[in-house]
């Protein structure tokens, strides 16, 4: 039995198929939305258009890799987060495609959120079925969130900390665009950072489990004005994010000792951040890039849980 996941976030159209019997991802595909050089994002109307245009081709690509007739349910991200007032038009593209597929096949449609999908994919990659049945600390760190959450699966999500201003992904992307890289710029910033062998002393502004990152953008701009090269400034930016997350995690563990700390979101694809945090945060769990960045894997997994098809002891 298979489940199909669809996610149309602000910058990527993603699809995935999950095998409920094997408990594994059969296939997945993704297409980033085009952003003009020098720009830091897309208008929602443009994002909605690009998702609508991309979905048929991605569905066709996926159909060549798996048997759609075996799909028993569809999961889709319908909004950014499971909180009142959370809404973005770009998710309508995925909802419409998922609803059409489900109605045509006469199968259940499970609506979830982008954040819950991130959490589900990260929990699955970090510990499989086990983590869905226990409390975990989960970081969702991207261009739109820098959230520290206390989770029990995806059913109970309690916010513990966040950024009061700029999000981590925004800081990374703004630096990358300033250096002339395409948006989203995380992979380019990471590549440049890896070229720096110079020692960097990161700074962080953290109060309890909340942080502030607006100063990081100013610090990076100041370093560039002082003549520091791109590798140094990129390394500085990523390590400041890593130090920020480290302090937030340590504060959370003082209140919730012994819990696993799982890191999700596109920013968590950075090898530099992973290495830094892993050495400083007990119980930290990072996952492969395709499970950390925007994806539809979590939506497919949550569809399997919705129809009670994935054999999890906690269900």
C-alpha atoms as a PDB file:
ATOM      1  CA  UNK A   1       0.000   0.000   0.000  1.00  0.00           C
ATOM      2  CA  UNK A   2       1.300   3.442  -0.965  1.00  0.00           C
ATOM      3  CA  UNK A   3       0.524   7.006   0.083  1.00  0.00           C
ATOM      4  CA  UNK A   4       1.192  10.148  -1.961  1.00  0.00           C
ATOM      5  CA  UNK A   5       2.420  13.396  -0.430  1.00  0.00           C
ATOM      6  CA  UNK A   6       2.176  16.863  -2.001  1.00  0.00           C
ATOM      7  CA  UNK A   7       3.710  20.077  -0.661  1.00  0.00           C
ATOM      8  CA  UNK A   8       3.725  23.459  -2.412  1.00  0.00           C
ATOM      9  CA  UNK A   9       5.759  25.690  -0.127  1.00  0.00           C
ATOM     10  CA  UNK A  10       6.860  29.215  -0.922  1.00  0.00           C
ATOM     11  CA  UNK A  11       9.911  28.078  -2.895  1.00  0.00           C
ATOM     12  CA  UNK A  12       9.589  24.398  -3.867  1.00  0.00           C
ATOM     13  CA  UNK A  13       7.032  22.075  -5.443  1.00  0.00           C
ATOM     14  CA  UNK A  14       7.501  18.642  -3.850  1.00  0.00           C
ATOM     15  CA  UNK A  15       5.960  15.175  -4.242  1.00  0.00           C
ATOM     16  CA  UNK A  16       6.739  11.879  -2.509  1.00  0.00           C
ATOM     17  CA  UNK A  17       5.446   8.315  -2.304  1.00  0.00           C
ATOM     18  CA  UNK A  18       5.637   6.293   0.921  1.00  0.00           C
ATOM     19  CA  UNK A  19       5.367   2.488   1.110  1.00  0.00           C
ATOM     20  CA  UNK A  20       3.340   1.740   4.249  1.00  0.00           C
ATOM     21  CA  UNK A  21       4.272  -1.941   4.342  1.00  0.00           C
ATOM     22  CA  UNK A  22       8.019  -1.447   3.995  1.00  0.00           C
ATOM     23  CA  UNK A  23       8.002   1.779   6.000  1.00  0.00           C
ATOM     24  CA  UNK A  24      10.175   3.579   3.475  1.00  0.00           C
ATOM     25  CA  UNK A  25      10.094   6.350   0.921  1.00  0.00           C
ATOM     26  CA  UNK A  26       9.691   4.819  -2.533  1.00  0.00           C
ATOM     27  CA  UNK A  27      10.481   7.957  -4.508  1.00  0.00           C
ATOM     28  CA  UNK A  28      10.324  11.722  -4.303  1.00  0.00           C
ATOM     29  CA  UNK A  29      10.885  14.684  -6.592  1.00  0.00           C
ATOM     30  CA  UNK A  30      11.111  18.432  -6.193  1.00  0.00           C
ATOM     31  CA  UNK A  31      11.363  21.566  -8.297  1.00  0.00           C
ATOM     32  CA  UNK A  32      12.462  24.936  -6.935  1.00  0.00           C
ATOM     33  CA  UNK A  33      10.453  27.931  -8.051  1.00  0.00           C
ATOM     34  CA  UNK A  34      12.335  30.426 -10.252  1.00  0.00           C
ATOM     35  CA  UNK A  35      13.419  33.625  -8.517  1.00  0.00           C
ATOM     36  CA  UNK A  36      14.929  36.474 -10.562  1.00  0.00           C
ATOM     37  CA  UNK A  37      18.578  37.323  -9.848  1.00  0.00           C
ATOM     38  CA  UNK A  38      18.968  39.787  -6.993  1.00  0.00           C
ATOM     39  CA  UNK A  39      15.491  39.178  -5.596  1.00  0.00           C
ATOM     40  CA  UNK A  40      14.850  37.725  -2.125  1.00  0.00           C
ATOM     41  CA  UNK A  41      11.645  35.860  -2.878  1.00  0.00           C
ATOM     42  CA  UNK A  42       8.413  35.649  -4.840  1.00  0.00           C
ATOM     43  CA  UNK A  43       5.034  37.275  -4.673  1.00  0.00           C
ATOM     44  CA  UNK A  44       2.391  34.771  -3.614  1.00  0.00           C
ATOM     45  CA  UNK A  45       0.576  35.144  -6.941  1.00  0.00           C
ATOM     46  CA  UNK A  46       3.774  34.203  -8.783  1.00  0.00           C
ATOM     47  CA  UNK A  47       4.451  31.281  -6.449  1.00  0.00           C
ATOM     48  CA  UNK A  48       0.929  29.958  -6.951  1.00  0.00           C
ATOM     49  CA  UNK A  49       1.328  30.196 -10.735  1.00  0.00           C
ATOM     50  CA  UNK A  50       4.673  28.365 -10.760  1.00  0.00           C
ATOM     51  CA  UNK A  51       3.363  25.568  -8.504  1.00  0.00           C
ATOM     52  CA  UNK A  52       0.314  25.094 -10.728  1.00  0.00           C
ATOM     53  CA  UNK A  53       2.544  24.912 -13.802  1.00  0.00           C
ATOM     54  CA  UNK A  54       5.045  22.495 -12.200  1.00  0.00           C
ATOM     55  CA  UNK A  55       2.672  19.927 -10.665  1.00  0.00           C
ATOM     56  CA  UNK A  56       1.545  18.051 -13.840  1.00  0.00           C
ATOM     57  CA  UNK A  57       5.119  17.381 -14.976  1.00  0.00           C
ATOM     58  CA  UNK A  58       6.207  16.289 -11.487  1.00  0.00           C
ATOM     59  CA  UNK A  59       3.219  13.959 -11.173  1.00  0.00           C
ATOM     60  CA  UNK A  60       4.121  12.455 -14.534  1.00  0.00           C
ATOM     61  CA  UNK A  61       7.725  12.010 -13.404  1.00  0.00           C
ATOM     62  CA  UNK A  62       6.587  10.272 -10.239  1.00  0.00           C
ATOM     63  CA  UNK A  63       4.174   8.022 -12.141  1.00  0.00           C
ATOM     64  CA  UNK A  64       7.105   6.618 -14.108  1.00  0.00           C
ATOM     65  CA  UNK A  65       8.769   5.558 -10.852  1.00  0.00           C
ATOM     66  CA  UNK A  66       5.830   3.984  -9.011  1.00  0.00           C
ATOM     67  CA  UNK A  67       2.359   2.501  -9.471  1.00  0.00           C
ATOM     68  CA  UNK A  68      -0.221   5.191  -8.756  1.00  0.00           C
ATOM     69  CA  UNK A  69      -2.977   2.568  -8.733  1.00  0.00           C
ATOM     70  CA  UNK A  70      -1.562   1.328  -5.398  1.00  0.00           C
ATOM     71  CA  UNK A  71      -1.927   4.758  -3.728  1.00  0.00           C
ATOM     72  CA  UNK A  72      -4.434   4.413  -0.866  1.00  0.00           C
ATOM     73  CA  UNK A  73      -4.400   7.994   0.491  1.00  0.00           C
ATOM     74  CA  UNK A  74      -3.061  11.449  -0.302  1.00  0.00           C
ATOM     75  CA  UNK A  75      -1.467  13.818   2.199  1.00  0.00           C
ATOM     76  CA  UNK A  76      -1.081  17.515   1.444  1.00  0.00           C
ATOM     77  CA  UNK A  77       0.240  20.612   3.195  1.00  0.00           C
ATOM     78  CA  UNK A  78      -2.667  23.036   3.271  1.00  0.00           C
ATOM     79  CA  UNK A  79      -1.087  25.904   5.249  1.00  0.00           C
ATOM     80  CA  UNK A  80       2.231  26.852   6.865  1.00  0.00           C
ATOM     81  CA  UNK A  81       1.684  25.935  10.537  1.00  0.00           C
ATOM     82  CA  UNK A  82      -1.057  24.399  12.719  1.00  0.00           C
ATOM     83  CA  UNK A  83      -2.021  27.699  14.340  1.00  0.00           C
ATOM     84  CA  UNK A  84      -4.963  30.015  13.886  1.00  0.00           C
ATOM     85  CA  UNK A  85      -4.533  32.497  11.053  1.00  0.00           C
ATOM     86  CA  UNK A  86      -1.721  30.574   9.349  1.00  0.00           C
ATOM     87  CA  UNK A  87      -2.330  30.918   5.620  1.00  0.00           C
ATOM     88  CA  UNK A  88      -0.439  31.319   2.336  1.00  0.00           C
ATOM     89  CA  UNK A  89      -2.064  31.150  -1.126  1.00  0.00           C
ATOM     90  CA  UNK A  90       0.774  29.031  -2.584  1.00  0.00           C
ATOM     91  CA  UNK A  91      -0.540  25.973  -0.714  1.00  0.00           C
ATOM     92  CA  UNK A  92      -3.782  26.112  -2.724  1.00  0.00           C
ATOM     93  CA  UNK A  93      -1.969  24.619  -5.721  1.00  0.00           C
ATOM     94  CA  UNK A  94      -1.056  21.495  -3.773  1.00  0.00           C
ATOM     95  CA  UNK A  95      -4.477  21.244  -2.129  1.00  0.00           C
ATOM     96  CA  UNK A  96      -6.249  21.407  -5.495  1.00  0.00           C
ATOM     97  CA  UNK A  97      -3.977  18.773  -7.035  1.00  0.00           C
ATOM     98  CA  UNK A  98      -4.298  16.474  -4.019  1.00  0.00           C
ATOM     99  CA  UNK A  99      -8.090  16.851  -3.844  1.00  0.00           C
ATOM    100  CA  UNK A 100      -8.440  16.105  -7.556  1.00  0.00           C
ATOM    101  CA  UNK A 101      -6.257  12.990  -7.272  1.00  0.00           C
ATOM    102  CA  UNK A 102      -8.130  11.729  -4.203  1.00  0.00           C
ATOM    103  CA  UNK A 103     -11.584  12.366  -5.650  1.00  0.00           C
ATOM    104  CA  UNK A 104     -10.712  10.722  -8.958  1.00  0.00           C
ATOM    105  CA  UNK A 105      -9.451   7.619  -7.155  1.00  0.00           C
ATOM    106  CA  UNK A 106     -12.042   7.639  -4.353  1.00  0.00           C
ATOM    107  CA  UNK A 107      -9.382   7.572  -1.634  1.00  0.00           C
ATOM    108  CA  UNK A 108      -8.946   9.605   1.595  1.00  0.00           C
ATOM    109  CA  UNK A 109      -7.369  13.057   1.590  1.00  0.00           C
ATOM    110  CA  UNK A 110      -5.354  14.001   4.696  1.00  0.00           C
ATOM    111  CA  UNK A 111      -4.732  17.735   5.089  1.00  0.00           C
ATOM    112  CA  UNK A 112      -1.729  18.684   7.217  1.00  0.00           C
ATOM    113  CA  UNK A 113       0.595  21.676   7.453  1.00  0.00           C
ATOM    114  CA  UNK A 114       4.025  22.473   6.067  1.00  0.00           C
ATOM    115  CA  UNK A 115       5.527  22.520   9.553  1.00  0.00           C
ATOM    116  CA  UNK A 116       3.959  19.195  10.550  1.00  0.00           C
ATOM    117  CA  UNK A 117       5.313  17.722   7.337  1.00  0.00           C
ATOM    118  CA  UNK A 118       8.805  18.920   8.217  1.00  0.00           C
ATOM    119  CA  UNK A 119       8.481  17.438  11.691  1.00  0.00           C
ATOM    120  CA  UNK A 120       7.166  14.097  10.397  1.00  0.00           C
ATOM    121  CA  UNK A 121       9.950  13.760   7.818  1.00  0.00           C
ATOM    122  CA  UNK A 122      12.602  14.623  10.401  1.00  0.00           C
ATOM    123  CA  UNK A 123      11.232  12.256  13.054  1.00  0.00           C
ATOM    124  CA  UNK A 124      11.011   9.461  10.478  1.00  0.00           C
ATOM    125  CA  UNK A 125      14.594   9.972   9.297  1.00  0.00           C
ATOM    126  CA  UNK A 126      15.986  10.465  12.808  1.00  0.00           C
ATOM    127  CA  UNK A 127      14.361   7.512  14.522  1.00  0.00           C
ATOM    128  CA  UNK A 128      11.581   5.945  12.491  1.00  0.00           C
ATOM    129  CA  UNK A 129       8.387   4.904  14.233  1.00  0.00           C
ATOM    130  CA  UNK A 130       9.896   5.175  17.712  1.00  0.00           C
ATOM    131  CA  UNK A 131      10.145   8.971  17.773  1.00  0.00           C
ATOM    132  CA  UNK A 132       6.485   9.443  16.824  1.00  0.00           C
ATOM    133  CA  UNK A 133       5.445   7.963  20.153  1.00  0.00           C
ATOM    134  CA  UNK A 134       7.630  10.011  22.500  1.00  0.00           C
ATOM    135  CA  UNK A 135       8.331  13.610  23.419  1.00  0.00           C
ATOM    136  CA  UNK A 136      11.060  15.273  21.378  1.00  0.00           C
ATOM    137  CA  UNK A 137      12.534  18.714  21.036  1.00  0.00           C
ATOM    138  CA  UNK A 138      12.321  19.731  17.382  1.00  0.00           C
ATOM    139  CA  UNK A 139      13.926  22.705  15.676  1.00  0.00           C
ATOM    140  CA  UNK A 140      12.224  23.928  12.498  1.00  0.00           C
ATOM    141  CA  UNK A 141      14.763  26.297  10.957  1.00  0.00           C
ATOM    142  CA  UNK A 142      14.120  27.761   7.515  1.00  0.00           C
ATOM    143  CA  UNK A 143      13.496  31.000   5.657  1.00  0.00           C
ATOM    144  CA  UNK A 144      10.178  31.411   7.421  1.00  0.00           C
ATOM    145  CA  UNK A 145      10.796  29.924  10.867  1.00  0.00           C
ATOM    146  CA  UNK A 146      13.381  29.579  13.591  1.00  0.00           C
ATOM    147  CA  UNK A 147      11.163  27.627  15.949  1.00  0.00           C
ATOM    148  CA  UNK A 148      11.999  25.398  18.910  1.00  0.00           C
ATOM    149  CA  UNK A 149       9.097  23.035  19.557  1.00  0.00           C
ATOM    150  CA  UNK A 150       8.195  20.410  22.134  1.00  0.00           C
ATOM    151  CA  UNK A 151       6.501  17.670  20.130  1.00  0.00           C
ATOM    152  CA  UNK A 152       4.789  14.365  20.628  1.00  0.00           C
ATOM    153  CA  UNK A 153       4.654  13.163  17.059  1.00  0.00           C
ATOM    154  CA  UNK A 154       2.852  15.835  15.054  1.00  0.00           C
ATOM    155  CA  UNK A 155      -0.361  15.744  17.082  1.00  0.00           C
ATOM    156  CA  UNK A 156       0.971  17.839  19.989  1.00  0.00           C
ATOM    157  CA  UNK A 157       3.241  20.783  19.142  1.00  0.00           C
ATOM    158  CA  UNK A 158       4.108  23.265  21.894  1.00  0.00           C
ATOM    159  CA  UNK A 159       6.214  26.306  20.884  1.00  0.00           C
ATOM    160  CA  UNK A 160       9.095  26.886  23.307  1.00  0.00           C
ATOM    161  CA  UNK A 161      11.200  29.468  21.514  1.00  0.00           C
ATOM    162  CA  UNK A 162      11.558  31.444  18.296  1.00  0.00           C
ATOM    163  CA  UNK A 163      13.308  34.438  16.744  1.00  0.00           C
ATOM    164  CA  UNK A 164      11.998  37.871  17.650  1.00  0.00           C
ATOM    165  CA  UNK A 165      12.944  39.321  14.272  1.00  0.00           C
ATOM    166  CA  UNK A 166      14.901  37.785  11.384  1.00  0.00           C
ATOM    167  CA  UNK A 167      14.726  34.047  10.703  1.00  0.00           C
ATOM    168  CA  UNK A 168      17.896  32.004  10.233  1.00  0.00           C
ATOM    169  CA  UNK A 169      17.144  31.172   6.610  1.00  0.00           C
ATOM    170  CA  UNK A 170      16.526  34.834   5.843  1.00  0.00           C
ATOM    171  CA  UNK A 171      19.917  35.792   7.251  1.00  0.00           C
ATOM    172  CA  UNK A 172      21.641  33.128   5.149  1.00  0.00           C
ATOM    173  CA  UNK A 173      19.719  33.981   1.974  1.00  0.00           C
ATOM    174  CA  UNK A 174      20.280  37.726   2.322  1.00  0.00           C
ATOM    175  CA  UNK A 175      24.005  37.178   2.645  1.00  0.00           C
ATOM    176  CA  UNK A 176      24.012  34.850  -0.363  1.00  0.00           C
ATOM    177  CA  UNK A 177      22.075  37.278  -2.563  1.00  0.00           C
ATOM    178  CA  UNK A 178      24.353  40.136  -1.458  1.00  0.00           C
ATOM    179  CA  UNK A 179      27.271  38.013  -2.684  1.00  0.00           C
ATOM    180  CA  UNK A 180      25.550  37.489  -6.046  1.00  0.00           C
ATOM    181  CA  UNK A 181      24.241  33.939  -5.588  1.00  0.00           C
ATOM    182  CA  UNK A 182      20.784  32.779  -6.728  1.00  0.00           C
ATOM    183  CA  UNK A 183      17.904  32.626  -4.238  1.00  0.00           C
ATOM    184  CA  UNK A 184      17.515  30.476  -2.192  1.00  0.00           C
ATOM    185  CA  UNK A 185      21.219  30.774  -1.499  1.00  0.00           C
ATOM    186  CA  UNK A 186      21.841  28.307   1.353  1.00  0.00           C
ATOM    187  CA  UNK A 187      23.792  25.751  -0.681  1.00  0.00           C
ATOM    188  CA  UNK A 188      26.069  28.435  -2.152  1.00  0.00           C
ATOM    189  CA  UNK A 189      26.754  29.948   1.272  1.00  0.00           C
ATOM    190  CA  UNK A 190      27.612  26.473   2.581  1.00  0.00           C
ATOM    191  CA  UNK A 191      29.992  25.835  -0.334  1.00  0.00           C
ATOM    192  CA  UNK A 192      31.798  29.111   0.302  1.00  0.00           C
ATOM    193  CA  UNK A 193      31.992  28.501   4.054  1.00  0.00           C
ATOM    194  CA  UNK A 194      33.697  25.158   3.452  1.00  0.00           C
ATOM    195  CA  UNK A 195      36.560  27.009   1.702  1.00  0.00           C
ATOM    196  CA  UNK A 196      37.461  28.983   4.834  1.00  0.00           C
ATOM    197  CA  UNK A 197      40.162  27.479   7.057  1.00  0.00           C
ATOM    198  CA  UNK A 198      40.455  30.584   9.226  1.00  0.00           C
ATOM    199  CA  UNK A 199      39.188  30.398  12.803  1.00  0.00           C
ATOM    200  CA  UNK A 200      35.862  32.159  13.322  1.00  0.00           C
ATOM    201  CA  UNK A 201      34.408  33.269  16.648  1.00  0.00           C
ATOM    202  CA  UNK A 202      30.606  33.183  16.332  1.00  0.00           C
ATOM    203  CA  UNK A 203      28.271  35.463  18.281  1.00  0.00           C
ATOM    204  CA  UNK A 204      24.697  34.839  19.356  1.00  0.00           C
ATOM    205  CA  UNK A 205      21.891  36.805  20.948  1.00  0.00           C
ATOM    206  CA  UNK A 206      19.783  34.366  22.950  1.00  0.00           C
ATOM    207  CA  UNK A 207      17.517  34.982  25.926  1.00  0.00           C
ATOM    208  CA  UNK A 208      16.163  31.786  27.399  1.00  0.00           C
ATOM    209  CA  UNK A 209      14.855  29.825  24.411  1.00  0.00           C
ATOM    210  CA  UNK A 210      14.248  32.889  22.214  1.00  0.00           C
ATOM    211  CA  UNK A 211      16.761  34.509  19.916  1.00  0.00           C
ATOM    212  CA  UNK A 212      17.385  37.589  17.807  1.00  0.00           C
ATOM    213  CA  UNK A 213      19.075  37.341  14.401  1.00  0.00           C
ATOM    214  CA  UNK A 214      18.657  40.818  12.935  1.00  0.00           C
ATOM    215  CA  UNK A 215      22.113  41.746  14.187  1.00  0.00           C
ATOM    216  CA  UNK A 216      23.649  38.896  12.202  1.00  0.00           C
ATOM    217  CA  UNK A 217      22.725  40.510   8.885  1.00  0.00           C
ATOM    218  CA  UNK A 218      24.364  43.758   9.977  1.00  0.00           C
ATOM    219  CA  UNK A 219      27.467  41.946  11.200  1.00  0.00           C
ATOM    220  CA  UNK A 220      27.878  40.129   7.881  1.00  0.00           C
ATOM    221  CA  UNK A 221      27.499  43.363   5.923  1.00  0.00           C
ATOM    222  CA  UNK A 222      30.054  45.035   8.159  1.00  0.00           C
ATOM    223  CA  UNK A 223      32.548  42.208   7.621  1.00  0.00           C
ATOM    224  CA  UNK A 224      32.170  42.522   3.846  1.00  0.00           C
ATOM    225  CA  UNK A 225      32.714  46.290   4.082  1.00  0.00           C
ATOM    226  CA  UNK A 226      35.878  45.634   6.089  1.00  0.00           C
ATOM    227  CA  UNK A 227      37.240  43.513   3.235  1.00  0.00           C
ATOM    228  CA  UNK A 228      36.645  40.020   4.589  1.00  0.00           C
ATOM    229  CA  UNK A 229      36.276  37.525   1.744  1.00  0.00           C
ATOM    230  CA  UNK A 230      33.120  35.530   0.949  1.00  0.00           C
ATOM    231  CA  UNK A 231      34.296  32.216   2.495  1.00  0.00           C
ATOM    232  CA  UNK A 232      35.047  33.896   5.840  1.00  0.00           C
ATOM    233  CA  UNK A 233      31.754  35.801   6.015  1.00  0.00           C
ATOM    234  CA  UNK A 234      29.734  32.738   4.973  1.00  0.00           C
ATOM    235  CA  UNK A 235      31.428  30.647   7.637  1.00  0.00           C
ATOM    236  CA  UNK A 236      30.797  33.379  10.197  1.00  0.00           C
ATOM    237  CA  UNK A 237      27.102  33.535   9.277  1.00  0.00           C
ATOM    238  CA  UNK A 238      26.536  29.779   9.514  1.00  0.00           C
ATOM    239  CA  UNK A 239      28.463  29.404  12.753  1.00  0.00           C
ATOM    240  CA  UNK A 240      26.482  32.251  14.333  1.00  0.00           C
ATOM    241  CA  UNK A 241      23.300  30.382  13.423  1.00  0.00           C
ATOM    242  CA  UNK A 242      24.828  27.208  14.874  1.00  0.00           C
ATOM    243  CA  UNK A 243      25.800  28.950  18.119  1.00  0.00           C
ATOM    244  CA  UNK A 244      22.295  30.441  18.377  1.00  0.00           C
ATOM    245  CA  UNK A 245      20.659  27.029  17.996  1.00  0.00           C
ATOM    246  CA  UNK A 246      23.128  25.497  20.437  1.00  0.00           C
ATOM    247  CA  UNK A 247      22.244  27.969  23.192  1.00  0.00           C
ATOM    248  CA  UNK A 248      18.511  27.578  22.549  1.00  0.00           C
ATOM    249  CA  UNK A 249      18.842  23.782  22.692  1.00  0.00           C
ATOM    250  CA  UNK A 250      20.886  23.850  25.881  1.00  0.00           C
ATOM    251  CA  UNK A 251      18.262  26.070  27.528  1.00  0.00           C
ATOM    252  CA  UNK A 252      15.502  23.673  26.456  1.00  0.00           C
ATOM    253  CA  UNK A 253      17.397  20.657  27.756  1.00  0.00           C
ATOM    254  CA  UNK A 254      17.753  22.277  31.160  1.00  0.00           C
ATOM    255  CA  UNK A 255      13.952  22.267  31.377  1.00  0.00           C
ATOM    256  CA  UNK A 256      13.427  18.983  29.500  1.00  0.00           C
ATOM    257  CA  UNK A 257      16.524  16.884  30.274  1.00  0.00           C
ATOM    258  CA  UNK A 258      17.244  13.751  28.296  1.00  0.00           C
ATOM    259  CA  UNK A 259      14.934  14.419  25.341  1.00  0.00           C
ATOM    260  CA  UNK A 260      16.168  13.853  21.782  1.00  0.00           C
ATOM    261  CA  UNK A 261      16.772  17.086  19.869  1.00  0.00           C
ATOM    262  CA  UNK A 262      15.814  16.757  16.198  1.00  0.00           C
ATOM    263  CA  UNK A 263      16.724  19.399  13.633  1.00  0.00           C
ATOM    264  CA  UNK A 264      14.478  20.035  10.604  1.00  0.00           C
ATOM    265  CA  UNK A 265      14.212  22.744   7.966  1.00  0.00           C
ATOM    266  CA  UNK A 266      16.350  23.740   5.006  1.00  0.00           C
ATOM    267  CA  UNK A 267      19.010  25.534   7.069  1.00  0.00           C
ATOM    268  CA  UNK A 268      19.723  22.235   8.822  1.00  0.00           C
ATOM    269  CA  UNK A 269      21.167  20.822   5.597  1.00  0.00           C
ATOM    270  CA  UNK A 270      24.424  22.643   6.388  1.00  0.00           C
ATOM    271  CA  UNK A 271      27.285  20.281   7.254  1.00  0.00           C
ATOM    272  CA  UNK A 272      29.028  23.085   9.142  1.00  0.00           C
ATOM    273  CA  UNK A 273      26.030  23.732  11.385  1.00  0.00           C
ATOM    274  CA  UNK A 274      25.495  20.022  11.954  1.00  0.00           C
ATOM    275  CA  UNK A 275      29.091  19.420  13.022  1.00  0.00           C
ATOM    276  CA  UNK A 276      29.144  22.430  15.345  1.00  0.00           C
ATOM    277  CA  UNK A 277      25.844  21.629  17.069  1.00  0.00           C
ATOM    278  CA  UNK A 278      26.430  17.870  17.317  1.00  0.00           C
ATOM    279  CA  UNK A 279      29.569  18.429  19.398  1.00  0.00           C
ATOM    280  CA  UNK A 280      27.748  20.768  21.791  1.00  0.00           C
ATOM    281  CA  UNK A 281      24.182  19.505  22.165  1.00  0.00           C
ATOM    282  CA  UNK A 282      23.548  16.172  23.854  1.00  0.00           C
ATOM    283  CA  UNK A 283      21.046  13.975  22.032  1.00  0.00           C
ATOM    284  CA  UNK A 284      21.106  16.023  18.828  1.00  0.00           C
ATOM    285  CA  UNK A 285      19.870  14.259  15.706  1.00  0.00           C
ATOM    286  CA  UNK A 286      20.340  15.622  12.197  1.00  0.00           C
ATOM    287  CA  UNK A 287      18.820  14.012   9.128  1.00  0.00           C
ATOM    288  CA  UNK A 288      19.835  13.765   5.452  1.00  0.00           C
ATOM    289  CA  UNK A 289      19.189  16.848   3.361  1.00  0.00           C
ATOM    290  CA  UNK A 290      16.123  15.615   1.511  1.00  0.00           C
ATOM    291  CA  UNK A 291      14.385  14.987   4.866  1.00  0.00           C
ATOM    292  CA  UNK A 292      15.477  18.338   6.313  1.00  0.00           C
ATOM    293  CA  UNK A 293      14.703  20.730   3.457  1.00  0.00           C
ATOM    294  CA  UNK A 294      11.261  21.426   1.974  1.00  0.00           C
ATOM    295  CA  UNK A 295       9.730  18.113   0.930  1.00  0.00           C
ATOM    296  CA  UNK A 296       6.487  16.142   0.640  1.00  0.00           C
ATOM    297  CA  UNK A 297       7.788  13.088   2.484  1.00  0.00           C
ATOM    298  CA  UNK A 298       6.208  14.143   5.770  1.00  0.00           C
ATOM    299  CA  UNK A 299       2.816  14.664   4.096  1.00  0.00           C
ATOM    300  CA  UNK A 300       2.964  11.144   2.639  1.00  0.00           C
ATOM    301  CA  UNK A 301       3.891   9.679   6.046  1.00  0.00           C
ATOM    302  CA  UNK A 302       1.096  11.566   7.781  1.00  0.00           C
ATOM    303  CA  UNK A 303      -1.377  10.279   5.193  1.00  0.00           C
ATOM    304  CA  UNK A 304      -0.289   6.749   6.113  1.00  0.00           C
ATOM    305  CA  UNK A 305      -0.877   7.518   9.774  1.00  0.00           C
ATOM    306  CA  UNK A 306      -4.263   9.063   9.005  1.00  0.00           C
ATOM    307  CA  UNK A 307      -5.532   5.786   7.522  1.00  0.00           C
ATOM    308  CA  UNK A 308      -3.652   3.777  10.156  1.00  0.00           C
ATOM    309  CA  UNK A 309      -1.637   1.992   7.497  1.00  0.00           C
ATOM    310  CA  UNK A 310       1.878   2.545   8.767  1.00  0.00           C
ATOM    311  CA  UNK A 311       2.597  -0.105  11.469  1.00  0.00           C
ATOM    312  CA  UNK A 312       3.558   2.147  14.372  1.00  0.00           C
ATOM    313  CA  UNK A 313       3.289   0.828  17.924  1.00  0.00           C
ATOM    314  CA  UNK A 314       2.118   4.206  19.244  1.00  0.00           C
ATOM    315  CA  UNK A 315      -0.966   4.308  17.018  1.00  0.00           C
END
